[in-house]
Amino acid sequence: MPRYIIEREVGSVSLDELQAVGRKSNEVLDEMEGVVWIRSYVSDAEGKIYCEYDAPSAEAVMEHARRAGVPANRISEVSMEINPDMFR
């Protein structure tokens, strides 16, 4: 299954807003086969959230964003995952 990194331009977001968006995202994910939210990283300094998803296609990621009502300003498919242990 391909993995994607999604860049979302959200501006300043409160914890309450994040919780509401997270709940809506999970509701939509329950309705979509094969789309899995792995984790997200919030950058208050940039006003962005970076999300990691497994999905059958970039189009499926966009459909999730549309249904959840969240931006997906940039979607990048991960071609390789590396970590420090690979180089020891």
Protein backbone atom coordinates (compact mmCIF):
# COMPACT_ATOMS: atom_id res chain seq x y z
CA MET A 1 0.00 0.00 0.00
CA PRO A 2 1.48 3.38 -0.92
CA ARG A 3 2.29 5.85 1.84
CA TYR A 4 1.67 9.59 1.52
CA ILE A 5 2.71 12.74 3.35
CA ILE A 6 0.03 15.43 3.24
CA GLU A 7 0.81 19.08 3.89
CA ARG A 8 -2.18 21.00 5.23
CA GLU A 9 -2.11 24.79 5.54
CA VAL A 10 -4.36 25.46 8.53
CA GLY A 11 -3.07 28.62 10.21
CA SER A 12 -3.48 28.79 13.96
CA VAL A 13 -5.54 25.87 15.30
CA SER A 14 -6.73 25.38 18.87
CA LEU A 15 -6.70 22.04 20.66
CA ASP A 16 -10.52 22.00 20.54
CA GLU A 17 -10.42 22.53 16.77
CA LEU A 18 -7.84 19.75 16.38
CA GLN A 19 -10.04 17.39 18.37
CA ALA A 20 -13.09 18.20 16.25
CA VAL A 21 -11.16 17.74 13.01
CA GLY A 22 -9.62 14.49 14.27
CA ARG A 23 -13.03 13.08 15.16
CA LYS A 24 -14.45 14.06 11.74
CA SER A 25 -11.42 12.57 10.02
CA ASN A 26 -11.91 9.26 11.84
CA GLU A 27 -15.62 9.21 10.94
CA VAL A 28 -14.72 9.60 7.27
CA LEU A 29 -11.95 6.99 7.51
CA ASP A 30 -14.48 4.49 8.89
CA GLU A 31 -16.40 4.90 5.62
CA MET A 32 -13.37 4.56 3.32
CA GLU A 33 -11.74 1.24 2.58
CA GLY A 34 -7.95 1.18 2.50
CA VAL A 35 -7.26 4.72 3.76
CA VAL A 36 -5.36 4.71 7.06
CA TRP A 37 -4.20 7.72 9.09
CA ILE A 38 -0.79 6.86 10.58
CA ARG A 39 0.15 10.06 12.45
CA SER A 40 0.31 13.84 12.14
CA TYR A 41 2.76 16.55 13.09
CA VAL A 42 1.60 20.08 13.95
CA SER A 43 3.79 23.11 13.27
CA ASP A 44 2.34 26.15 15.02
CA ALA A 45 5.24 28.24 13.68
CA GLU A 46 4.31 27.44 10.05
CA GLY A 47 0.56 27.09 10.53
CA LYS A 48 0.71 23.65 8.97
CA ILE A 49 -0.09 20.07 9.80
CA TYR A 50 1.85 17.25 8.14
CA CYS A 51 -0.04 13.96 8.02
CA GLU A 52 1.13 10.47 7.17
CA TYR A 53 -1.39 8.16 5.48
CA ASP A 54 -1.50 4.79 3.80
CA ALA A 55 -3.92 4.82 0.89
CA PRO A 56 -4.45 3.10 -2.44
CA SER A 57 -3.89 6.39 -4.32
CA ALA A 58 -3.38 10.14 -3.98
CA GLU A 59 -6.95 10.51 -5.23
CA ALA A 60 -8.19 8.53 -2.21
CA VAL A 61 -6.27 10.89 0.09
CA MET A 62 -7.88 13.89 -1.66
CA GLU A 63 -11.33 12.30 -1.33
CA HIS A 64 -10.77 11.83 2.40
CA ALA A 65 -9.74 15.49 2.73
CA ARG A 66 -12.80 16.63 0.79
CA ARG A 67 -15.20 14.55 2.87
CA ALA A 68 -13.55 15.53 6.16
CA GLY A 69 -13.50 19.21 5.21
CA VAL A 70 -9.75 19.61 5.69
CA PRO A 71 -7.21 21.07 3.26
CA ALA A 72 -4.71 18.89 1.43
CA ASN A 73 -2.45 21.51 -0.12
CA ARG A 74 0.27 19.09 -1.13
CA ILE A 75 0.32 15.30 -1.32
CA SER A 76 3.65 13.51 -1.76
CA GLU A 77 3.99 9.78 -2.26
CA VAL A 78 6.77 8.26 -0.17
CA SER A 79 9.12 6.26 -2.37
CA MET A 80 11.33 4.96 0.44
CA GLU A 81 11.32 5.05 4.21
CA ILE A 82 14.69 5.22 5.94
CA ASN A 83 15.83 5.40 9.56
CA PRO A 84 19.17 5.78 11.36
CA ASP A 85 19.48 2.05 12.10
CA MET A 86 19.78 1.33 8.39
CA PHE A 87 23.14 3.07 8.34
CA ARG A 88 24.84 1.44 11.31
